[in-house]
Amino acid sequence: MRIYPHADADGGGVKSARQWANQLDEVGCVVDLFDFGDLHRSDGRPLKDLNDCTTGLDEDSTTKLCRTLFPKPDLEVHPPF
């Protein structure tokens, strides 16, 4: 399972997502968190969530997003989240 946490300035979205990931991991679910940190909109602002992916990404971010948005079926991920 991949969680796409809201990357808000105070870190609350990622903190909550890590709690959910730990809970899911405890019941045997393989979890990872998507990191929006390397992606930027065409106006230079960073992405905060999946909705921002629809508002115009810069060219480099579009390329990265195409490679990383969804986990590959054979991708094995492990904690730490």
N, C-alpha and C. Protein backbone atom coordinates (compact mmCIF):
# COMPACT_ATOMS: atom_id res chain seq x y z
N MET A 1 0.85 -1.15 0.00
CA MET A 1 0.00 0.00 0.00
C MET A 1 0.90 1.22 0.00
N ARG A 2 0.53 2.20 -0.77
CA ARG A 2 1.24 3.47 -0.78
C ARG A 2 0.34 4.56 -0.22
N ILE A 3 0.88 5.34 0.72
CA ILE A 3 0.16 6.46 1.30
C ILE A 3 0.75 7.74 0.72
N TYR A 4 -0.13 8.64 0.31
CA TYR A 4 0.27 9.93 -0.26
C TYR A 4 -0.07 11.02 0.76
N PRO A 5 0.82 11.27 1.72
CA PRO A 5 0.49 12.22 2.78
C PRO A 5 0.55 13.67 2.30
N HIS A 6 -0.29 14.50 2.89
CA HIS A 6 -0.25 15.93 2.62
C HIS A 6 1.03 16.48 3.24
N ALA A 7 1.81 17.17 2.42
CA ALA A 7 3.09 17.71 2.89
C ALA A 7 2.91 19.14 3.38
N ASP A 8 2.23 19.31 4.50
CA ASP A 8 2.00 20.63 5.04
C ASP A 8 3.23 21.12 5.80
N ALA A 9 3.30 22.43 5.99
CA ALA A 9 4.49 23.06 6.58
C ALA A 9 4.82 22.56 7.98
N ASP A 10 3.81 22.23 8.77
CA ASP A 10 4.09 21.80 10.14
C ASP A 10 4.38 20.30 10.26
N GLY A 11 4.31 19.57 9.15
CA GLY A 11 4.64 18.15 9.16
C GLY A 11 3.53 17.25 9.68
N GLY A 12 2.36 17.79 9.98
CA GLY A 12 1.27 17.00 10.54
C GLY A 12 0.77 15.90 9.62
N GLY A 13 0.72 16.18 8.31
CA GLY A 13 0.23 15.18 7.36
C GLY A 13 1.15 13.96 7.31
N VAL A 14 2.44 14.21 7.27
CA VAL A 14 3.41 13.11 7.23
C VAL A 14 3.43 12.37 8.57
N LYS A 15 3.33 13.11 9.66
CA LYS A 15 3.30 12.47 10.99
C LYS A 15 2.12 11.52 11.09
N SER A 16 0.95 11.96 10.66
CA SER A 16 -0.24 11.10 10.70
C SER A 16 -0.07 9.90 9.78
N ALA A 17 0.47 10.13 8.60
CA ALA A 17 0.66 9.03 7.64
C ALA A 17 1.62 7.99 8.20
N ARG A 18 2.64 8.42 8.92
CA ARG A 18 3.57 7.47 9.53
C ARG A 18 2.87 6.63 10.60
N GLN A 19 1.97 7.24 11.35
CA GLN A 19 1.19 6.47 12.34
C GLN A 19 0.34 5.42 11.64
N TRP A 20 -0.33 5.81 10.54
CA TRP A 20 -1.15 4.85 9.80
C TRP A 20 -0.27 3.74 9.23
N ALA A 21 0.89 4.13 8.69
CA ALA A 21 1.79 3.13 8.12
C ALA A 21 2.25 2.13 9.18
N ASN A 22 2.57 2.61 10.36
CA ASN A 22 2.96 1.70 11.45
C ASN A 22 1.83 0.76 11.82
N GLN A 23 0.61 1.28 11.89
CA GLN A 23 -0.55 0.44 12.22
C GLN A 23 -0.77 -0.62 11.13
N LEU A 24 -0.64 -0.23 9.89
CA LEU A 24 -0.82 -1.19 8.79
C LEU A 24 0.30 -2.22 8.77
N ASP A 25 1.52 -1.77 9.05
CA ASP A 25 2.66 -2.68 9.09
C ASP A 25 2.47 -3.74 10.17
N GLU A 26 1.90 -3.36 11.30
CA GLU A 26 1.67 -4.29 12.41
C GLU A 26 0.73 -5.42 12.04
N VAL A 27 -0.13 -5.22 11.05
CA VAL A 27 -1.04 -6.28 10.64
C VAL A 27 -0.59 -6.93 9.33
N GLY A 28 0.68 -6.69 8.96
CA GLY A 28 1.26 -7.40 7.83
C GLY A 28 1.14 -6.73 6.48
N CYS A 29 0.72 -5.50 6.44
CA CYS A 29 0.59 -4.78 5.18
C CYS A 29 1.93 -4.12 4.84
N VAL A 30 2.38 -4.29 3.62
CA VAL A 30 3.60 -3.64 3.16
C VAL A 30 3.23 -2.22 2.76
N VAL A 31 3.88 -1.23 3.37
CA VAL A 31 3.49 0.17 3.21
C VAL A 31 4.71 1.02 2.87
N ASP A 32 4.49 2.02 2.02
CA ASP A 32 5.48 3.08 1.87
C ASP A 32 4.74 4.40 1.74
N LEU A 33 5.49 5.49 1.96
CA LEU A 33 4.93 6.83 1.86
C LEU A 33 5.52 7.52 0.65
N PHE A 34 4.67 8.15 -0.13
CA PHE A 34 5.14 8.91 -1.29
C PHE A 34 5.70 10.24 -0.80
N ASP A 35 6.83 10.63 -1.33
CA ASP A 35 7.48 11.88 -0.93
C ASP A 35 7.33 12.91 -2.04
N PHE A 36 6.58 13.96 -1.77
CA PHE A 36 6.39 15.03 -2.73
C PHE A 36 7.55 16.03 -2.73
N GLY A 37 8.54 15.83 -1.86
CA GLY A 37 9.60 16.80 -1.65
C GLY A 37 10.43 17.16 -2.86
N ASP A 38 10.59 16.25 -3.81
CA ASP A 38 11.43 16.54 -4.99
C ASP A 38 10.63 17.09 -6.16
N LEU A 39 9.33 17.26 -6.00
CA LEU A 39 8.49 17.70 -7.12
C LEU A 39 8.08 19.16 -6.96
N HIS A 40 7.96 19.85 -8.09
CA HIS A 40 7.59 21.26 -8.08
C HIS A 40 6.59 21.56 -9.19
N ARG A 41 5.75 22.53 -8.93
CA ARG A 41 4.80 23.00 -9.93
C ARG A 41 5.55 23.87 -10.93
N SER A 42 4.92 24.13 -12.06
CA SER A 42 5.56 24.95 -13.08
C SER A 42 5.82 26.38 -12.61
N ASP A 43 5.12 26.83 -11.58
CA ASP A 43 5.38 28.16 -11.03
C ASP A 43 6.47 28.15 -9.95
N GLY A 44 7.13 26.98 -9.76
CA GLY A 44 8.23 26.87 -8.83
C GLY A 44 7.87 26.46 -7.42
N ARG A 45 6.58 26.50 -7.08
CA ARG A 45 6.18 26.13 -5.72
C ARG A 45 6.22 24.61 -5.56
N PRO A 46 6.52 24.14 -4.35
CA PRO A 46 6.54 22.69 -4.12
C PRO A 46 5.13 22.10 -4.11
N LEU A 47 5.03 20.81 -4.39
CA LEU A 47 3.76 20.10 -4.32
C LEU A 47 3.48 19.75 -2.87
N LYS A 48 2.20 19.82 -2.50
CA LYS A 48 1.79 19.45 -1.14
C LYS A 48 1.01 18.14 -1.13
N ASP A 49 0.33 17.82 -2.24
CA ASP A 49 -0.53 16.64 -2.25
C ASP A 49 -0.82 16.23 -3.69
N LEU A 50 -1.59 15.15 -3.85
CA LEU A 50 -1.91 14.66 -5.19
C LEU A 50 -2.67 15.68 -6.02
N ASN A 51 -3.49 16.49 -5.39
CA ASN A 51 -4.22 17.50 -6.14
C ASN A 51 -3.28 18.47 -6.85
N ASP A 52 -2.17 18.81 -6.22
CA ASP A 52 -1.21 19.70 -6.86
C ASP A 52 -0.62 19.10 -8.13
N CYS A 53 -0.66 17.79 -8.26
CA CYS A 53 -0.14 17.14 -9.47
C CYS A 53 -0.99 17.47 -10.69
N THR A 54 -2.18 17.98 -10.48
CA THR A 54 -3.08 18.28 -11.60
C THR A 54 -3.00 19.74 -12.02
N THR A 55 -2.18 20.56 -11.35
CA THR A 55 -2.19 21.99 -11.60
C THR A 55 -0.98 22.48 -12.39
N GLY A 56 -0.25 21.60 -13.01
CA GLY A 56 0.87 22.02 -13.82
C GLY A 56 2.21 21.81 -13.14
N LEU A 57 2.89 20.73 -13.51
CA LEU A 57 4.20 20.43 -12.95
C LEU A 57 5.29 20.95 -13.87
N ASP A 58 6.46 21.25 -13.29
CA ASP A 58 7.58 21.59 -14.16
C ASP A 58 8.01 20.30 -14.88
N GLU A 59 8.83 20.45 -15.91
CA GLU A 59 9.18 19.31 -16.76
C GLU A 59 9.91 18.21 -15.99
N ASP A 60 10.84 18.59 -15.15
CA ASP A 60 11.59 17.60 -14.37
C ASP A 60 10.66 16.82 -13.43
N SER A 61 9.74 17.53 -12.79
CA SER A 61 8.80 16.87 -11.88
C SER A 61 7.86 15.94 -12.61
N THR A 62 7.44 16.31 -13.82
CA THR A 62 6.57 15.45 -14.61
C THR A 62 7.27 14.13 -14.90
N THR A 63 8.54 14.19 -15.26
CA THR A 63 9.31 12.98 -15.54
C THR A 63 9.43 12.11 -14.29
N LYS A 64 9.79 12.74 -13.16
CA LYS A 64 9.92 12.00 -11.90
C LYS A 64 8.60 11.36 -11.49
N LEU A 65 7.52 12.12 -11.65
CA LEU A 65 6.21 11.63 -11.23
C LEU A 65 5.79 10.42 -12.05
N CYS A 66 6.08 10.44 -13.34
CA CYS A 66 5.72 9.30 -14.20
C CYS A 66 6.43 8.03 -13.76
N ARG A 67 7.64 8.16 -13.20
CA ARG A 67 8.40 6.99 -12.76
C ARG A 67 8.04 6.54 -11.36
N THR A 68 7.49 7.44 -10.53
CA THR A 68 7.38 7.12 -9.11
C THR A 68 5.98 7.19 -8.50
N LEU A 69 4.99 7.67 -9.23
CA LEU A 69 3.67 7.88 -8.63
C LEU A 69 3.08 6.60 -8.08
N PHE A 70 3.15 5.54 -8.85
CA PHE A 70 2.58 4.27 -8.40
C PHE A 70 3.69 3.25 -8.22
N PRO A 71 3.62 2.44 -7.17
CA PRO A 71 4.64 1.41 -6.99
C PRO A 71 4.51 0.35 -8.07
N LYS A 72 5.65 -0.17 -8.49
CA LYS A 72 5.63 -1.25 -9.47
C LYS A 72 5.13 -2.51 -8.77
N PRO A 73 4.45 -3.40 -9.51
CA PRO A 73 3.91 -4.61 -8.87
C PRO A 73 4.97 -5.46 -8.17
N ASP A 74 6.21 -5.43 -8.67
CA ASP A 74 7.24 -6.26 -8.06
C ASP A 74 8.12 -5.46 -7.10
N LEU A 75 7.73 -4.24 -6.79
CA LEU A 75 8.52 -3.41 -5.88
C LEU A 75 8.31 -3.88 -4.44
N GLU A 76 9.41 -4.15 -3.78
CA GLU A 76 9.34 -4.56 -2.38
C GLU A 76 9.81 -3.41 -1.52
N VAL A 77 8.97 -2.97 -0.63
CA VAL A 77 9.32 -1.85 0.24
C VAL A 77 9.30 -2.29 1.70
N HIS A 78 10.11 -1.64 2.49
CA HIS A 78 10.23 -2.00 3.90
C HIS A 78 10.25 -0.73 4.75
N PRO A 79 9.87 -0.83 6.01
CA PRO A 79 10.05 0.31 6.91
C PRO A 79 11.55 0.64 6.98
N PRO A 80 12.00 1.80 7.36
CA PRO A 80 11.22 2.82 8.04
C PRO A 80 10.43 3.68 7.08
N PHE A 81 9.37 4.21 7.58
CA PHE A 81 8.48 5.05 6.79
C PHE A 81 9.01 6.44 6.83
